[in-house]
N, C-alpha and C. Protein backbone atom coordinates (compact mmCIF):
# COMPACT_ATOMS: atom_id res chain seq x y z
N MET A 1 90.96 -77.42 207.31
CA MET A 1 90.19 -78.57 206.91
C MET A 1 89.28 -78.18 205.75
N THR A 2 89.18 -79.00 204.73
CA THR A 2 88.33 -78.74 203.59
C THR A 2 86.91 -79.17 203.90
N ASN A 3 85.95 -78.30 203.59
CA ASN A 3 84.55 -78.64 203.77
C ASN A 3 84.07 -79.47 202.60
N THR A 4 83.28 -80.49 202.88
CA THR A 4 82.81 -81.41 201.85
C THR A 4 81.34 -81.70 202.06
N LEU A 5 80.58 -81.73 200.98
CA LEU A 5 79.19 -82.17 200.99
C LEU A 5 79.02 -83.22 199.90
N ASP A 6 78.71 -84.44 200.30
CA ASP A 6 78.46 -85.54 199.38
C ASP A 6 77.07 -86.07 199.71
N ILE A 7 76.06 -85.60 198.98
CA ILE A 7 74.68 -85.98 199.26
C ILE A 7 74.36 -87.23 198.45
N GLN A 8 73.96 -88.29 199.15
CA GLN A 8 73.64 -89.55 198.50
C GLN A 8 72.13 -89.78 198.38
N GLN A 9 71.37 -89.10 199.22
CA GLN A 9 69.91 -89.19 199.19
C GLN A 9 69.34 -87.86 199.59
N PRO A 10 68.43 -87.31 198.83
CA PRO A 10 67.88 -87.79 197.57
C PRO A 10 68.81 -87.50 196.40
N GLN A 11 68.59 -88.22 195.33
CA GLN A 11 69.30 -87.98 194.08
C GLN A 11 68.48 -86.99 193.25
N PRO A 12 69.11 -86.33 192.27
CA PRO A 12 68.35 -85.40 191.44
C PRO A 12 67.12 -86.07 190.82
N PHE A 13 66.00 -85.39 190.92
CA PHE A 13 64.70 -85.77 190.38
C PHE A 13 64.09 -86.99 191.06
N ASP A 14 64.56 -87.33 192.26
CA ASP A 14 63.87 -88.35 193.04
C ASP A 14 62.46 -87.86 193.34
N LEU A 15 61.54 -88.79 193.44
CA LEU A 15 60.16 -88.49 193.79
C LEU A 15 60.06 -88.58 195.30
N VAL A 16 59.74 -87.47 195.97
CA VAL A 16 59.76 -87.41 197.43
C VAL A 16 58.38 -87.14 198.00
N ASP A 17 58.22 -87.45 199.27
CA ASP A 17 56.99 -87.24 200.01
C ASP A 17 57.14 -85.97 200.85
N SER A 18 56.19 -85.73 201.73
CA SER A 18 56.25 -84.52 202.57
C SER A 18 57.32 -84.62 203.65
N ASN A 19 57.83 -85.82 203.92
CA ASN A 19 58.98 -85.98 204.82
C ASN A 19 60.16 -86.38 203.95
N ILE A 20 61.02 -85.42 203.64
CA ILE A 20 62.14 -85.66 202.74
C ILE A 20 63.33 -86.14 203.55
N LEU A 21 63.76 -87.37 203.28
CA LEU A 21 64.91 -87.96 203.97
C LEU A 21 66.19 -87.57 203.24
N ILE A 22 67.21 -87.23 204.02
CA ILE A 22 68.48 -86.76 203.46
C ILE A 22 69.61 -87.55 204.11
N ALA A 23 70.57 -87.99 203.31
CA ALA A 23 71.71 -88.72 203.84
C ALA A 23 72.93 -88.46 202.98
N GLY A 24 74.09 -88.57 203.58
CA GLY A 24 75.32 -88.38 202.84
C GLY A 24 76.51 -88.30 203.75
N ASN A 25 77.57 -87.72 203.26
CA ASN A 25 78.80 -87.50 204.01
C ASN A 25 79.10 -86.01 203.97
N ALA A 26 79.55 -85.49 205.11
CA ALA A 26 79.82 -84.05 205.16
C ALA A 26 80.77 -83.72 206.29
N THR A 27 81.42 -82.58 206.13
CA THR A 27 82.05 -81.90 207.24
C THR A 27 81.34 -80.56 207.30
N ALA A 28 81.13 -80.08 208.48
CA ALA A 28 80.40 -78.81 208.61
C ALA A 28 80.93 -78.05 209.81
N PHE A 29 80.97 -76.75 209.69
CA PHE A 29 81.40 -75.90 210.79
C PHE A 29 80.48 -76.14 211.97
N GLU A 30 81.05 -76.43 213.12
CA GLU A 30 80.31 -76.70 214.35
C GLU A 30 79.28 -77.81 214.17
N GLY A 31 79.47 -78.66 213.15
CA GLY A 31 78.65 -79.85 213.00
C GLY A 31 77.23 -79.65 212.55
N THR A 32 76.90 -78.55 211.86
CA THR A 32 75.52 -78.30 211.46
C THR A 32 75.43 -77.94 209.98
N LEU A 33 74.47 -78.57 209.29
CA LEU A 33 74.14 -78.21 207.92
C LEU A 33 72.74 -77.60 207.91
N SER A 34 72.57 -76.53 207.16
CA SER A 34 71.22 -76.00 207.01
C SER A 34 70.56 -76.71 205.82
N ILE A 35 69.25 -76.90 205.93
CA ILE A 35 68.47 -77.57 204.90
C ILE A 35 67.33 -76.63 204.52
N ARG A 36 67.19 -76.36 203.24
CA ARG A 36 66.09 -75.54 202.76
C ARG A 36 65.41 -76.23 201.59
N VAL A 37 64.09 -76.14 201.55
CA VAL A 37 63.32 -76.65 200.43
C VAL A 37 62.51 -75.49 199.89
N SER A 38 62.63 -75.26 198.58
CA SER A 38 61.95 -74.12 197.97
C SER A 38 61.51 -74.49 196.57
N GLU A 39 60.51 -73.80 196.09
CA GLU A 39 60.09 -73.89 194.69
C GLU A 39 60.43 -72.60 193.96
N GLY A 40 61.10 -71.70 194.64
CA GLY A 40 61.41 -70.40 194.07
C GLY A 40 60.55 -69.31 194.68
N HIS A 41 59.48 -69.69 195.39
CA HIS A 41 58.59 -68.71 196.02
C HIS A 41 58.55 -68.93 197.53
N ASP A 42 58.02 -70.08 197.93
CA ASP A 42 57.90 -70.40 199.35
C ASP A 42 59.04 -71.31 199.77
N GLU A 43 59.29 -71.37 201.07
CA GLU A 43 60.45 -72.12 201.55
C GLU A 43 60.18 -72.69 202.94
N TYR A 44 60.72 -73.88 203.17
CA TYR A 44 60.80 -74.47 204.52
C TYR A 44 62.27 -74.67 204.82
N SER A 45 62.64 -74.57 206.09
CA SER A 45 64.04 -74.77 206.44
C SER A 45 64.16 -75.59 207.71
N SER A 46 65.32 -76.23 207.85
CA SER A 46 65.63 -77.06 209.01
C SER A 46 67.15 -77.17 209.08
N PHE A 47 67.64 -78.13 209.84
CA PHE A 47 69.08 -78.37 209.91
C PHE A 47 69.33 -79.84 210.21
N ALA A 48 70.56 -80.27 209.96
CA ALA A 48 71.00 -81.63 210.29
C ALA A 48 72.32 -81.51 211.02
N THR A 49 72.54 -82.40 211.96
CA THR A 49 73.78 -82.41 212.72
C THR A 49 74.77 -83.36 212.08
N VAL A 50 76.00 -82.88 211.95
CA VAL A 50 77.09 -83.64 211.37
C VAL A 50 78.25 -83.56 212.35
N GLY A 51 79.06 -84.58 212.43
CA GLY A 51 80.24 -84.50 213.28
C GLY A 51 81.15 -83.36 212.84
N SER A 52 81.78 -82.69 213.78
CA SER A 52 82.55 -81.49 213.43
C SER A 52 84.00 -81.78 213.08
N LEU A 53 84.46 -82.98 213.28
CA LEU A 53 85.85 -83.30 212.95
C LEU A 53 85.90 -84.36 211.88
N GLY A 54 86.40 -84.00 210.72
CA GLY A 54 86.53 -84.96 209.64
C GLY A 54 85.22 -85.23 208.93
N LEU A 55 85.32 -85.97 207.85
CA LEU A 55 84.16 -86.33 207.05
C LEU A 55 83.31 -87.33 207.81
N ARG A 56 82.03 -87.04 207.94
CA ARG A 56 81.11 -87.90 208.71
C ARG A 56 79.88 -88.23 207.89
N GLN A 57 79.36 -89.44 208.12
CA GLN A 57 78.06 -89.79 207.56
C GLN A 57 76.98 -89.08 208.36
N PHE A 58 75.93 -88.68 207.70
CA PHE A 58 74.82 -88.07 208.42
C PHE A 58 73.51 -88.47 207.79
N GLN A 59 72.46 -88.38 208.58
CA GLN A 59 71.08 -88.55 208.12
C GLN A 59 70.27 -87.42 208.71
N GLY A 60 69.34 -86.95 207.95
CA GLY A 60 68.46 -85.90 208.42
C GLY A 60 67.17 -85.95 207.63
N SER A 61 66.29 -85.06 207.93
CA SER A 61 65.04 -84.97 207.18
C SER A 61 64.47 -83.57 207.34
N ILE A 62 63.57 -83.27 206.47
CA ILE A 62 62.82 -82.03 206.58
C ILE A 62 61.37 -82.36 206.29
N GLU A 63 60.49 -81.89 207.14
CA GLU A 63 59.06 -82.15 207.02
C GLU A 63 58.40 -80.93 206.38
N ILE A 64 57.59 -81.19 205.38
CA ILE A 64 56.79 -80.14 204.75
C ILE A 64 55.39 -80.28 205.34
N PRO A 65 55.05 -79.49 206.37
CA PRO A 65 53.80 -79.71 207.10
C PRO A 65 52.54 -79.39 206.30
N ASP A 66 52.62 -78.46 205.37
CA ASP A 66 51.45 -78.09 204.59
C ASP A 66 51.80 -78.24 203.12
N THR A 67 51.36 -79.34 202.52
CA THR A 67 51.73 -79.61 201.13
C THR A 67 51.08 -78.63 200.16
N ASN A 68 50.11 -77.87 200.61
CA ASN A 68 49.46 -76.88 199.74
C ASN A 68 50.24 -75.57 199.65
N THR A 69 51.31 -75.45 200.44
CA THR A 69 52.12 -74.23 200.39
C THR A 69 52.76 -74.06 199.01
N PHE A 70 53.26 -75.16 198.45
CA PHE A 70 53.94 -75.09 197.17
C PHE A 70 52.92 -75.15 196.03
N LYS A 71 53.21 -74.46 194.97
CA LYS A 71 52.36 -74.47 193.78
C LYS A 71 52.96 -75.34 192.67
N LEU A 72 54.27 -75.50 192.68
CA LEU A 72 54.96 -76.28 191.66
C LEU A 72 55.41 -77.62 192.24
N ASN A 73 55.44 -78.66 191.39
CA ASN A 73 55.85 -79.97 191.90
C ASN A 73 57.35 -80.21 191.80
N ARG A 74 58.09 -79.30 191.20
CA ARG A 74 59.56 -79.43 191.17
C ARG A 74 60.11 -78.50 192.23
N LEU A 75 60.74 -79.11 193.23
CA LEU A 75 61.30 -78.35 194.35
C LEU A 75 62.82 -78.40 194.29
N PHE A 76 63.45 -77.49 195.04
CA PHE A 76 64.90 -77.46 195.12
C PHE A 76 65.30 -77.62 196.58
N LEU A 77 66.04 -78.67 196.86
CA LEU A 77 66.56 -78.96 198.18
C LEU A 77 67.98 -78.42 198.23
N THR A 78 68.23 -77.50 199.17
CA THR A 78 69.56 -76.91 199.30
C THR A 78 70.13 -77.28 200.65
N LEU A 79 71.32 -77.87 200.65
CA LEU A 79 72.05 -78.17 201.87
C LEU A 79 73.30 -77.31 201.87
N ALA A 80 73.57 -76.67 203.01
CA ALA A 80 74.70 -75.75 203.06
C ALA A 80 75.35 -75.77 204.42
N ASP A 81 76.67 -75.66 204.40
CA ASP A 81 77.43 -75.43 205.63
C ASP A 81 77.63 -73.92 205.71
N ASP A 82 76.61 -73.25 206.22
CA ASP A 82 76.71 -71.80 206.34
C ASP A 82 76.58 -71.35 207.78
N THR A 83 76.79 -72.27 208.72
CA THR A 83 76.62 -71.93 210.13
C THR A 83 77.72 -71.00 210.63
N GLY A 84 78.86 -71.01 210.00
CA GLY A 84 79.92 -70.12 210.43
C GLY A 84 80.62 -69.46 209.28
N ASN A 85 80.23 -69.83 208.08
CA ASN A 85 80.91 -69.33 206.89
C ASN A 85 79.86 -69.05 205.82
N PRO A 86 79.50 -67.79 205.58
CA PRO A 86 78.47 -67.49 204.59
C PRO A 86 78.84 -67.92 203.18
N ASN A 87 80.12 -68.17 202.94
CA ASN A 87 80.57 -68.64 201.63
C ASN A 87 80.89 -70.12 201.62
N GLY A 88 80.40 -70.83 202.64
CA GLY A 88 80.66 -72.26 202.74
C GLY A 88 80.03 -73.03 201.61
N PRO A 89 80.38 -74.31 201.46
CA PRO A 89 79.87 -75.10 200.34
C PRO A 89 78.37 -75.34 200.47
N SER A 90 77.72 -75.48 199.32
CA SER A 90 76.31 -75.83 199.30
C SER A 90 76.03 -76.74 198.11
N VAL A 91 74.95 -77.49 198.23
CA VAL A 91 74.53 -78.40 197.17
C VAL A 91 73.04 -78.15 196.95
N VAL A 92 72.63 -78.03 195.69
CA VAL A 92 71.23 -77.86 195.33
C VAL A 92 70.80 -79.08 194.53
N ILE A 93 69.72 -79.72 194.98
CA ILE A 93 69.23 -80.94 194.33
C ILE A 93 67.77 -80.72 193.94
N PRO A 94 67.44 -80.82 192.65
CA PRO A 94 66.03 -80.74 192.26
C PRO A 94 65.34 -82.06 192.60
N VAL A 95 64.16 -81.97 193.19
CA VAL A 95 63.36 -83.16 193.51
C VAL A 95 61.94 -82.92 193.03
N LEU A 96 61.20 -84.01 192.84
CA LEU A 96 59.81 -83.94 192.42
C LEU A 96 58.93 -84.27 193.63
N PHE A 97 57.96 -83.40 193.89
CA PHE A 97 57.15 -83.46 195.11
C PHE A 97 55.86 -84.26 194.85
N GLY A 98 55.86 -85.52 195.29
CA GLY A 98 54.76 -86.44 195.06
C GLY A 98 53.38 -85.94 195.46
N PRO A 99 53.21 -85.29 196.64
CA PRO A 99 51.88 -84.84 197.03
C PRO A 99 51.25 -83.83 196.06
N LEU A 100 52.03 -83.13 195.26
CA LEU A 100 51.46 -82.24 194.25
C LEU A 100 51.28 -82.92 192.90
N ILE A 101 51.82 -84.12 192.77
CA ILE A 101 51.66 -84.89 191.54
C ILE A 101 50.42 -85.76 191.63
N LEU A 102 50.20 -86.38 192.80
CA LEU A 102 49.04 -87.24 193.01
C LEU A 102 48.53 -87.04 194.42
N PRO A 103 47.28 -86.55 194.57
CA PRO A 103 46.73 -86.39 195.93
C PRO A 103 46.76 -87.72 196.68
N GLY A 104 47.18 -87.68 197.94
CA GLY A 104 47.30 -88.90 198.74
C GLY A 104 48.55 -89.69 198.43
N TYR A 105 49.51 -89.07 197.75
CA TYR A 105 50.75 -89.75 197.34
C TYR A 105 51.35 -90.54 198.49
N GLY A 106 51.69 -91.80 198.20
CA GLY A 106 52.30 -92.65 199.21
C GLY A 106 53.52 -93.40 198.72
N GLY A 107 53.96 -93.13 197.51
CA GLY A 107 55.12 -93.81 196.96
C GLY A 107 54.91 -94.06 195.48
N TRP A 108 55.77 -94.88 194.91
CA TRP A 108 55.66 -95.17 193.48
C TRP A 108 56.10 -96.60 193.21
N ARG A 109 55.66 -97.10 192.07
CA ARG A 109 56.05 -98.43 191.59
C ARG A 109 56.67 -98.28 190.21
N PRO A 110 57.65 -99.11 189.89
CA PRO A 110 58.21 -99.06 188.54
C PRO A 110 57.29 -99.77 187.54
N TYR A 111 57.32 -99.28 186.34
CA TYR A 111 56.58 -99.91 185.24
C TYR A 111 57.46 -99.88 184.00
N VAL A 112 57.63 -101.03 183.37
CA VAL A 112 58.43 -101.12 182.15
C VAL A 112 57.49 -100.99 180.97
N VAL A 113 57.72 -99.99 180.14
CA VAL A 113 56.89 -99.73 178.97
C VAL A 113 57.00 -100.91 178.00
N GLN A 114 55.83 -101.37 177.56
CA GLN A 114 55.75 -102.48 176.60
C GLN A 114 55.48 -101.94 175.20
N PRO A 115 55.81 -102.70 174.17
CA PRO A 115 55.51 -102.24 172.81
C PRO A 115 54.01 -101.92 172.67
N GLY A 116 53.71 -100.78 172.08
CA GLY A 116 52.32 -100.37 171.87
C GLY A 116 51.70 -99.60 173.03
N ASP A 117 52.38 -99.53 174.18
CA ASP A 117 51.85 -98.78 175.32
C ASP A 117 51.75 -97.30 175.02
N THR A 118 50.74 -96.66 175.62
CA THR A 118 50.64 -95.21 175.65
C THR A 118 50.44 -94.81 177.11
N LEU A 119 50.70 -93.56 177.42
CA LEU A 119 50.48 -93.12 178.81
C LEU A 119 49.02 -93.25 179.20
N ILE A 120 48.11 -93.02 178.27
CA ILE A 120 46.69 -93.17 178.58
C ILE A 120 46.37 -94.62 178.92
N GLN A 121 46.90 -95.57 178.16
CA GLN A 121 46.65 -96.99 178.44
C GLN A 121 47.25 -97.40 179.79
N ILE A 122 48.44 -96.90 180.08
CA ILE A 122 49.08 -97.23 181.36
C ILE A 122 48.25 -96.65 182.50
N ALA A 123 47.79 -95.41 182.36
CA ALA A 123 46.96 -94.78 183.40
C ALA A 123 45.67 -95.57 183.59
N GLN A 124 45.05 -95.99 182.50
CA GLN A 124 43.81 -96.76 182.60
C GLN A 124 44.05 -98.05 183.39
N ALA A 125 45.16 -98.73 183.10
CA ALA A 125 45.47 -99.98 183.80
C ALA A 125 45.85 -99.75 185.26
N GLN A 126 46.53 -98.65 185.55
CA GLN A 126 47.02 -98.40 186.91
C GLN A 126 46.00 -97.70 187.79
N TYR A 127 45.24 -96.77 187.22
CA TYR A 127 44.33 -95.93 188.01
C TYR A 127 42.85 -96.15 187.71
N GLY A 128 42.56 -96.87 186.63
CA GLY A 128 41.16 -97.08 186.27
C GLY A 128 40.55 -95.90 185.54
N ASN A 129 41.38 -94.95 185.10
CA ASN A 129 40.91 -93.81 184.31
C ASN A 129 42.03 -93.39 183.37
N SER A 130 41.74 -92.47 182.48
CA SER A 130 42.72 -92.08 181.47
C SER A 130 43.59 -90.89 181.86
N ASN A 131 43.56 -90.49 183.13
CA ASN A 131 44.37 -89.35 183.57
C ASN A 131 45.83 -89.77 183.70
N PHE A 132 46.60 -89.50 182.66
CA PHE A 132 48.02 -89.88 182.65
C PHE A 132 48.91 -88.82 183.26
N GLN A 133 48.36 -87.67 183.64
CA GLN A 133 49.15 -86.55 184.11
C GLN A 133 50.07 -86.90 185.30
N PRO A 134 49.59 -87.66 186.32
CA PRO A 134 50.52 -88.02 187.41
C PRO A 134 51.74 -88.82 186.93
N ILE A 135 51.53 -89.70 185.96
CA ILE A 135 52.65 -90.49 185.44
C ILE A 135 53.61 -89.59 184.66
N PHE A 136 53.05 -88.71 183.85
CA PHE A 136 53.87 -87.78 183.07
C PHE A 136 54.68 -86.87 183.98
N GLU A 137 54.05 -86.30 185.01
CA GLU A 137 54.74 -85.39 185.92
C GLU A 137 55.79 -86.10 186.77
N ALA A 138 55.53 -87.34 187.16
CA ALA A 138 56.51 -88.10 187.96
C ALA A 138 57.73 -88.49 187.16
N ASN A 139 57.63 -88.41 185.84
CA ASN A 139 58.73 -88.80 184.96
C ASN A 139 59.19 -87.66 184.07
N GLN A 140 58.93 -86.42 184.50
CA GLN A 140 59.25 -85.25 183.68
C GLN A 140 60.73 -85.11 183.39
N HIS A 141 61.56 -85.77 184.14
CA HIS A 141 63.00 -85.70 183.90
C HIS A 141 63.44 -86.63 182.76
N ILE A 142 62.57 -87.58 182.36
CA ILE A 142 62.93 -88.49 181.26
C ILE A 142 61.92 -88.49 180.13
N VAL A 143 60.71 -87.95 180.35
CA VAL A 143 59.68 -87.90 179.33
C VAL A 143 59.34 -86.43 179.05
N ASN A 144 59.71 -85.97 177.88
CA ASN A 144 59.46 -84.57 177.51
C ASN A 144 58.12 -84.39 176.81
N ASP A 145 57.65 -85.44 176.17
CA ASP A 145 56.42 -85.39 175.40
C ASP A 145 55.58 -86.61 175.79
N PRO A 146 54.34 -86.42 176.26
CA PRO A 146 53.54 -87.57 176.69
C PRO A 146 53.22 -88.54 175.55
N ASN A 147 53.43 -88.13 174.31
CA ASN A 147 53.19 -89.01 173.17
C ASN A 147 54.43 -89.80 172.77
N LEU A 148 55.54 -89.58 173.47
CA LEU A 148 56.79 -90.26 173.12
C LEU A 148 57.34 -91.03 174.31
N ILE A 149 56.89 -92.28 174.45
CA ILE A 149 57.49 -93.20 175.40
C ILE A 149 57.97 -94.40 174.60
N PHE A 150 58.92 -95.14 175.14
CA PHE A 150 59.58 -96.18 174.36
C PHE A 150 59.58 -97.51 175.09
N PRO A 151 59.41 -98.62 174.35
CA PRO A 151 59.49 -99.94 174.99
C PRO A 151 60.81 -100.08 175.74
N GLY A 152 60.71 -100.62 176.93
CA GLY A 152 61.89 -100.82 177.78
C GLY A 152 62.13 -99.68 178.74
N GLN A 153 61.53 -98.53 178.49
CA GLN A 153 61.68 -97.38 179.39
C GLN A 153 61.03 -97.73 180.73
N VAL A 154 61.68 -97.39 181.82
CA VAL A 154 61.13 -97.64 183.15
C VAL A 154 60.53 -96.34 183.68
N LEU A 155 59.22 -96.36 183.90
CA LEU A 155 58.50 -95.21 184.40
C LEU A 155 58.14 -95.40 185.86
N ARG A 156 58.06 -94.30 186.59
CA ARG A 156 57.59 -94.32 187.97
C ARG A 156 56.08 -94.06 187.96
N ILE A 157 55.33 -94.96 188.58
CA ILE A 157 53.88 -94.83 188.66
C ILE A 157 53.56 -94.38 190.09
N PRO A 158 53.18 -93.10 190.29
CA PRO A 158 52.83 -92.64 191.64
C PRO A 158 51.59 -93.39 192.13
N ARG A 159 51.61 -93.71 193.43
CA ARG A 159 50.51 -94.47 194.01
C ARG A 159 49.98 -93.76 195.24
N ASP A 160 48.70 -93.95 195.49
CA ASP A 160 48.10 -93.45 196.72
C ASP A 160 47.59 -94.60 197.58
N ASP A 161 47.91 -95.84 197.18
CA ASP A 161 47.42 -97.02 197.89
C ASP A 161 48.52 -97.92 198.42
N ILE A 162 49.73 -97.38 198.56
CA ILE A 162 50.86 -98.21 199.01
C ILE A 162 50.88 -98.27 200.52
C-alpha cells in the first residue's frame, strides 16, 4: 500500500493560534501520524490518529501551551508517518504564529488595500496607533517591503478583540 499525506489545513503561511488545527487525507502505518511544530530551535510534538486501511480523512490538533517558548513567528509544522517506517512520507508546512505577531491574538480580518493607503494609515485605522508591524508580519509571505503595498491587495489584519 502506498503511503499518502494530503494536508488541507493549515495551508502554507496560514496565520495560526496556539491551538493549531490540522486536517487532511492520509494513510499511516498503524493509523498514527506524528505532528511536530518547530521554529528551528524549540519544538512541540503530538500525534493524530488515521485509519490504517486505505486513504482516510483525519482531523487533529497540536496545542502550544507556552507561546513564549518560540522566539520566531514563522514556525514549521511537520506531519510524518514515521510510526513504523523511519523513511515514511512527511510534509512540512510553514505557518505564521499569531501570538508572536500580536499579543492577545485571537484571529484576523481581511482588509482590501485602497489607493493611497500605507501600512501606517491602516494600522492607525485598525489599532488606533501607527504600529504597522503586526500587519507587516502577518503578511510577510506577500509583502516584502512595508513601503510597497498595492490597491486591491488583500491583507490579513491580526486582531486581539475577535
